[in-house]
Amino acid sequence: MFSRSSLDSPVMRVLVVEDDDELGPIIVSGLRSAGCAVDFAGSGADADLKVWVNTYDCVVADRGLPDGDVLELIRKWRGDGRSLPVLVLTALGTVEHRVAGFAHGADDYLVKPFAMAELVARVRALGRRDQPPRLPQLAVGDLTLDVPSHRVRRAGILLSLTAKEFAVLEVLMLRAGEAVSRTELLERCWDEMSDPASNVVDVVIRHLRRKLGTPDLIESLRGVGYRMRERE
């Protein structure tokens, strides 16, 4: 079971609910490229199960699903006390349709066709609701991480990091001086398709160390995980 603590997290966990075999993968790919950890459901029943098992920062759901209108599922979630933000995607774009969406508990409504950049912006806006503000810049020694611009510098030199490397580094810097387990890094920076027994965390850490250079700021804790040294 994946869970998310209330502590500020650098990666949004998003559930995409879409039955279109072409559009679904495009949305998933677009959100992952934007740095989100994305799970996928092809029906309302599958989405309901995933929401029960996992904790999401946002749900992006097509309105017309094979097993019913997603608005009924949203109403069920609200009745169960689930307040997770939901953005509804639909080709039904009249004022009446949008009003019905909000009346059933939807938080946002985006009409198809849409621009991926707008979808990403709306998802990020929904994910920021009721969340503590993220620090605009983190610093450990001569290493700085700028959250809004997604830039990392060491001794003033700009480094090129992948979205996953940036996410892992942000978690470690937010928790500088504290032990962070591999399991926690996996839950915060990957989606449900990641194998807990795999070495993906160790691979990203190895790449980070190479890119960050010396002296090494990331300390390995045998049997525990990793820790960002507070000072060089």
Protein backbone atom coordinates (compact mmCIF):
# COMPACT_ATOMS: atom_id res chain seq x y z
CA MET A 1 0.00 0.00 0.00
CA PHE A 2 1.31 3.41 -0.94
CA SER A 3 0.68 6.33 1.37
CA ARG A 4 1.68 9.96 1.58
CA SER A 5 2.36 11.93 4.73
CA SER A 6 1.20 15.50 5.18
CA LEU A 7 4.81 16.67 5.00
CA ASP A 8 5.47 18.83 1.97
CA SER A 9 6.26 16.51 -0.94
CA PRO A 10 8.07 17.47 -4.14
CA VAL A 11 6.17 15.07 -6.38
CA MET A 12 2.45 15.14 -7.08
CA ARG A 13 0.74 11.73 -7.10
CA VAL A 14 -1.96 11.87 -9.79
CA LEU A 15 -4.58 9.33 -10.84
CA VAL A 16 -5.68 9.50 -14.49
CA VAL A 17 -9.06 7.91 -15.24
CA GLU A 18 -9.60 7.57 -18.99
CA ASP A 19 -11.00 4.80 -21.21
CA ASP A 20 -9.72 6.21 -24.52
CA ASP A 21 -6.81 3.97 -25.59
CA GLU A 22 -5.12 6.85 -27.43
CA LEU A 23 -5.79 9.80 -25.12
CA GLY A 24 -5.07 7.97 -21.85
CA PRO A 25 -1.39 7.26 -22.54
CA ILE A 26 -0.92 10.81 -23.86
CA ILE A 27 -2.22 12.32 -20.61
CA VAL A 28 -0.15 9.94 -18.49
CA SER A 29 2.99 10.70 -20.52
CA GLY A 30 2.38 14.46 -20.37
CA LEU A 31 1.94 14.50 -16.60
CA ARG A 32 4.96 12.25 -16.05
CA SER A 33 7.05 14.54 -18.26
CA ALA A 34 5.97 17.39 -15.98
CA GLY A 35 7.40 15.49 -13.00
CA CYS A 36 4.25 13.88 -11.61
CA ALA A 37 3.97 10.29 -10.38
CA VAL A 38 0.99 8.98 -12.34
CA ASP A 39 -1.27 5.96 -11.84
CA PHE A 40 -3.87 4.95 -14.43
CA ALA A 41 -7.40 3.55 -14.28
CA GLY A 42 -9.56 2.61 -17.26
CA SER A 43 -12.91 2.50 -15.46
CA GLY A 44 -14.77 3.99 -12.53
CA ALA A 45 -14.53 0.75 -10.55
CA ASP A 46 -10.76 0.63 -11.04
CA ALA A 47 -10.46 4.29 -10.04
CA ASP A 48 -12.56 3.73 -6.91
CA LEU A 49 -10.29 0.87 -5.85
CA LYS A 50 -7.11 2.87 -6.43
CA VAL A 51 -8.45 5.85 -4.45
CA TRP A 52 -9.28 3.46 -1.61
CA VAL A 53 -5.76 1.98 -1.59
CA ASN A 54 -3.62 5.02 -2.42
CA THR A 55 -3.48 8.69 -1.51
CA TYR A 56 -3.55 11.11 -4.44
CA ASP A 57 -2.94 14.84 -4.74
CA CYS A 58 -5.28 15.05 -7.71
CA VAL A 59 -7.53 12.92 -9.94
CA VAL A 60 -7.91 13.68 -13.64
CA ALA A 61 -11.00 11.85 -14.90
CA ASP A 62 -12.87 11.55 -18.17
CA ARG A 63 -16.56 12.08 -17.57
CA GLY A 64 -17.89 9.28 -19.79
CA LEU A 65 -16.51 5.95 -18.55
CA PRO A 66 -17.49 2.40 -19.60
CA ASP A 67 -19.22 1.78 -16.28
CA GLY A 68 -20.94 5.11 -15.84
CA ASP A 69 -20.68 8.87 -15.43
CA VAL A 70 -17.66 9.88 -13.35
CA LEU A 71 -19.81 12.54 -11.67
CA GLU A 72 -21.60 9.78 -9.77
CA LEU A 73 -18.26 8.44 -8.61
CA ILE A 74 -17.21 11.91 -7.46
CA ARG A 75 -20.48 12.27 -5.53
CA LYS A 76 -19.78 8.90 -3.88
CA TRP A 77 -16.27 10.04 -2.88
CA ARG A 78 -17.63 13.25 -1.41
CA GLY A 79 -20.27 11.28 0.47
CA ASP A 80 -17.52 9.06 1.88
CA GLY A 81 -15.70 12.16 3.11
CA ARG A 82 -12.95 12.07 0.47
CA SER A 83 -11.85 15.60 -0.37
CA LEU A 84 -9.19 14.82 -2.99
CA PRO A 85 -9.22 17.36 -5.85
CA VAL A 86 -10.83 16.09 -9.05
CA LEU A 87 -10.48 17.63 -12.51
CA VAL A 88 -13.08 16.41 -15.01
CA LEU A 89 -12.17 16.05 -18.69
CA THR A 90 -15.07 15.96 -21.12
CA ALA A 91 -16.33 16.86 -24.56
CA LEU A 92 -19.52 18.12 -22.89
CA GLY A 93 -18.66 21.79 -22.53
CA THR A 94 -21.93 23.65 -22.11
CA VAL A 95 -22.58 25.82 -19.07
CA GLU A 96 -25.16 23.28 -17.89
CA HIS A 97 -22.64 20.44 -18.05
CA ARG A 98 -20.01 22.43 -16.16
CA VAL A 99 -22.52 23.45 -13.49
CA ALA A 100 -23.54 19.80 -13.09
CA GLY A 101 -19.90 18.85 -12.64
CA PHE A 102 -19.34 21.35 -9.87
CA ALA A 103 -22.65 20.42 -8.25
CA HIS A 104 -21.46 16.81 -7.98
CA GLY A 105 -18.24 17.85 -6.28
CA ALA A 106 -15.77 18.33 -9.15
CA ASP A 107 -13.09 20.92 -8.45
CA ASP A 108 -12.26 21.84 -12.04
CA TYR A 109 -13.58 21.18 -15.53
CA LEU A 110 -11.55 21.07 -18.76
CA VAL A 111 -13.21 20.64 -22.13
CA LYS A 112 -11.72 18.45 -24.86
CA PRO A 113 -9.70 19.10 -26.94
CA PHE A 114 -7.29 20.78 -24.53
CA ALA A 115 -3.66 21.84 -24.40
CA MET A 116 -1.41 19.63 -22.27
CA ALA A 117 0.27 22.72 -20.80
CA GLU A 118 -3.08 23.94 -19.49
CA LEU A 119 -3.92 20.53 -18.03
CA VAL A 120 -0.57 20.40 -16.21
CA ALA A 121 -1.07 23.95 -14.88
CA ARG A 122 -4.57 23.13 -13.61
CA VAL A 123 -3.39 19.89 -11.97
CA ARG A 124 -0.58 21.74 -10.20
CA ALA A 125 -2.99 24.44 -9.04
CA LEU A 126 -5.35 21.82 -7.59
CA GLY A 127 -2.44 20.06 -5.89
CA ARG A 128 -1.43 23.26 -4.12
CA ARG A 129 -4.78 23.63 -2.38
CA ASP A 130 -4.65 23.11 1.38
CA GLN A 131 -0.94 22.34 1.17
CA PRO A 132 1.79 24.18 3.09
CA PRO A 133 3.80 26.48 0.81
CA ARG A 134 6.97 24.98 -0.59
CA LEU A 135 10.21 26.80 0.01
CA PRO A 136 11.22 28.57 -3.23
CA GLN A 137 14.88 27.60 -2.76
CA LEU A 138 16.71 24.95 -0.75
CA ALA A 139 20.40 25.08 0.10
CA VAL A 140 22.84 22.57 1.56
CA GLY A 141 26.43 23.77 1.57
CA ASP A 142 27.19 25.09 -1.91
CA LEU A 143 24.28 23.13 -3.41
CA THR A 144 21.11 25.09 -4.21
CA LEU A 145 17.81 23.83 -5.58
CA ASP A 146 15.35 26.37 -7.00
CA VAL A 147 11.84 24.90 -6.87
CA PRO A 148 9.93 27.27 -9.22
CA SER A 149 12.53 27.16 -12.01
CA HIS A 150 13.54 23.50 -11.46
CA ARG A 151 17.22 24.46 -11.48
CA VAL A 152 20.02 22.98 -9.39
CA ARG A 153 23.45 24.56 -8.94
CA ARG A 154 26.60 23.37 -7.21
CA ALA A 155 29.15 26.08 -6.47
CA GLY A 156 27.23 28.29 -8.89
CA ILE A 157 27.41 25.79 -11.76
CA LEU A 158 24.08 24.80 -13.30
CA LEU A 159 23.51 21.03 -13.30
CA SER A 160 21.34 19.03 -15.68
CA LEU A 161 19.04 16.67 -13.75
CA THR A 162 16.17 14.47 -14.86
CA ALA A 163 12.73 15.03 -13.29
CA LYS A 164 13.21 11.96 -11.09
CA GLU A 165 16.70 13.05 -9.97
CA PHE A 166 15.33 16.49 -9.12
CA ALA A 167 12.48 14.95 -7.09
CA VAL A 168 14.77 12.65 -5.10
CA LEU A 169 17.23 15.45 -4.45
CA GLU A 170 14.45 17.74 -3.23
CA VAL A 171 13.23 15.13 -0.74
CA LEU A 172 16.76 14.66 0.61
CA MET A 173 17.37 18.42 0.86
CA LEU A 174 14.03 19.02 2.59
CA ARG A 175 15.08 16.39 5.12
CA ALA A 176 18.77 17.37 5.31
CA GLY A 177 20.44 15.74 8.27
CA GLU A 178 17.70 13.09 8.59
CA ALA A 179 17.62 9.49 7.41
CA VAL A 180 15.30 8.90 4.45
CA SER A 181 14.49 5.28 3.67
CA ARG A 182 14.43 3.80 0.18
CA THR A 183 10.76 2.99 0.72
CA GLU A 184 9.93 6.62 1.48
CA LEU A 185 11.81 7.83 -1.60
CA LEU A 186 10.00 5.26 -3.72
CA GLU A 187 6.57 6.26 -2.39
CA ARG A 188 7.20 9.98 -2.81
CA CYS A 189 8.92 10.00 -6.20
CA TRP A 190 7.50 7.03 -8.15
CA ASP A 191 4.06 5.65 -9.00
CA GLU A 192 2.42 2.30 -8.31
CA MET A 193 4.10 0.64 -11.29
CA SER A 194 7.45 0.76 -9.51
CA ASP A 195 8.65 -2.49 -8.00
CA PRO A 196 9.56 -2.02 -4.31
CA ALA A 197 12.19 -4.73 -4.72
CA SER A 198 13.90 -2.99 -7.63
CA ASN A 199 17.03 -0.84 -7.37
CA VAL A 200 15.60 2.25 -9.09
CA VAL A 201 16.25 4.43 -6.02
CA ASP A 202 19.88 3.33 -5.81
CA VAL A 203 20.36 3.97 -9.54
CA VAL A 204 19.02 7.53 -9.25
CA ILE A 205 21.18 8.17 -6.17
CA ARG A 206 24.25 6.92 -8.07
CA HIS A 207 23.50 9.27 -10.97
CA LEU A 208 22.91 12.16 -8.55
CA ARG A 209 26.25 11.60 -6.85
CA ARG A 210 28.03 11.62 -10.19
CA LYS A 211 26.33 14.85 -11.28
CA LEU A 212 26.73 16.62 -7.92
CA GLY A 213 30.46 15.89 -7.82
CA THR A 214 32.72 16.07 -4.79
CA PRO A 215 32.74 16.28 -1.89
CA ASP A 216 29.84 13.82 -1.72
CA LEU A 217 26.77 15.31 0.01
CA ILE A 218 24.67 12.12 0.03
CA GLU A 219 25.48 9.62 2.76
CA SER A 220 24.52 5.94 2.48
CA LEU A 221 23.04 4.40 5.63
CA ARG A 222 23.39 0.63 5.53
CA GLY A 223 20.04 -1.09 5.91
CA VAL A 224 18.23 2.24 6.20
CA GLY A 225 18.55 4.47 3.15
CA TYR A 226 20.24 7.80 2.57
CA ARG A 227 20.89 11.12 4.29
CA MET A 228 21.81 14.51 2.91
CA ARG A 229 24.72 15.91 4.90
CA GLU A 230 23.82 19.30 6.35
CA ARG A 231 27.32 20.62 5.78
CA GLU A 232 30.24 19.63 3.65
